[in-house]
Amino acid sequence: MSKTLPLVLALALAGCSFTPDYQRPDAPVPAAWPATAGAGATAQDAAVGADWRTFFPDPRLQGLIAAALEHNRDLRIAVARVDEARALAGLARADRFPTLDLAAQRAAALTPGDLSLTGRPTNSQRYDVNLAVAAFELDFWGRVKSLDDAGRANFLASDYARQAFRLSLIADVANAYLSLLELGERLELAQATMKSREETRGLVGRRRDVGLAGDLDYLQADGAFQNARAETANLARSHAAAENALRLLVGTGPTDTTGGKLAQQGLIADLAVGLPAEVLLARPDILAAEQKLIAANANIGAARAAFLPKIVLTAAAGTASAGLAGLFGGGSGAWSFLPVLRLPLFDAGRASDNVDLAQARKNIAVAEYEKAIQQAFREIADLLAARSQLAEQLQAQEDNVTAQDRRLVLVEARYKAGVSSHLELLDAQRDDFAARQSALAVRRQLLSTAASFYKALGGGVAAQ
């Protein structure tokens, strides 16, 4: 009792509000993004509040995203969790109002003679019809209101979590689609390379037959063909796995991705980035973390109010009679009123520990909120750096493809003229194939960065 008395007195002096005033923690990140090319724009240019179709204009991709938003099972689970949180918030709010019941009852009893005033067994019965309020707490100290506020904040946190998952699903479908396009184009390149190397092997075989090439040249050509064949089979397996992954995200039948190319125009729109404070605080995952913090803050008020007296009312008004016929007759009115005042005296420190628990959970929520902001800042900063560097890398890789194509043409001409060796031709073919495969991979990474920006900037929140 000595431990809790100072806290009780402090709360009583503080008035009827025991929930700490909520103050949003300062964002533990710099006020500007790292110095990276393209990282400077107004908040109006950012993705917040826009429809996802604006940033994914490709009709095939739009069809896949729309199907995923309708059929994805994980999204259905997230929506159901929002409904669950809404129902829990409704239960918390209902506690702020009295529950009114209509009750009708009959009570009958037999009293033995030795307990009766007349010394004879007595039969008694009673009929009651009344409206009753059972155990309604008068919320003088805001305990029930604090629980209501916490329930509402938890509901909003769940809804923001659903929005964050929706953004992740859109970005994941876009990235899965891009990976499928990349693997499809790499598979086509591998198949064309396998066919070309098969033709080269035939050419070397014919040259060997007339004495212009040796067995070593033929074995090298055959080895190059077999390598291309193995790479084709590997890419075919990866392509099938990418199709299955996309189908799982979409949550429905076979997906139509025919005709899509990574180099086509208008596949994914580019996004500008506003200032950190404008972008980060609009992300639904950050908003969800803040609502959890608000709920934890409200729970402190409910825990503090447990130190103070609790007034609970039970009341009923209606009619009562010893016989059913006289239940609604004159003079049958009846009522009862039972106020109960409960003052905690000794609970072995339970109330104090509940306050400490609520405070500790708030501290955890503050740290989780700040960590979510830091992680979001790093995510966007990484994407900004990747966007700048990948664009330069893609340009260099495409220049390399041009150079390797020209080199291969020259080496093939020299080989047919008998000037270059087959080993030189084989090196040129390998380098050209590798350059083309790498260019496709870098282009996909650059497009994936644009798709990830949509999620990182919290795009489409207002349109949901």
Foldseek 3Di string as FASTA:
>chain_A
DVVCVVLLVVLVVVFQFQFDDDDADDQPDDFFFPPFPQAADALVQFQAADAVCVFAVDVQLVVLLVLLCVAAPVLVVLVVVLVVLVVQLVVLVPLQDWDKDWDKDKDKDWDPLVPDPVSHIDIFMKIWTKIKTFWRWDSRRCLSVLQSLLSVLLSLLSVLVSLLVSLVLSLVLLLLLLVLQLLVVLLVLLVVLLVVLVVVLVVQVVCVVVPNHDPVLNVLSVVSNVVSVVVNVVSVVVSVVSQVVSCNSSNDDGRDSPPDHLPDPSRGDFGHHHTLVSQLCSRSNLSSLVSNLSSLSSQLSNLSCVQAKIKIKMKIWGFMDRDPVCRPPPPRIDMDIDIDIDHDDDDPCPSVVSNVVSVVSSVVSSVVSNVSSVVLSVLVSVLSNLLRVLVVVLVVLVVQLVVLVVLLVVQVVCVVVVNDDSVSNSVSSVSNSVSVSVSSVSSSVNVSSRSVSCSSRNHPPSVD
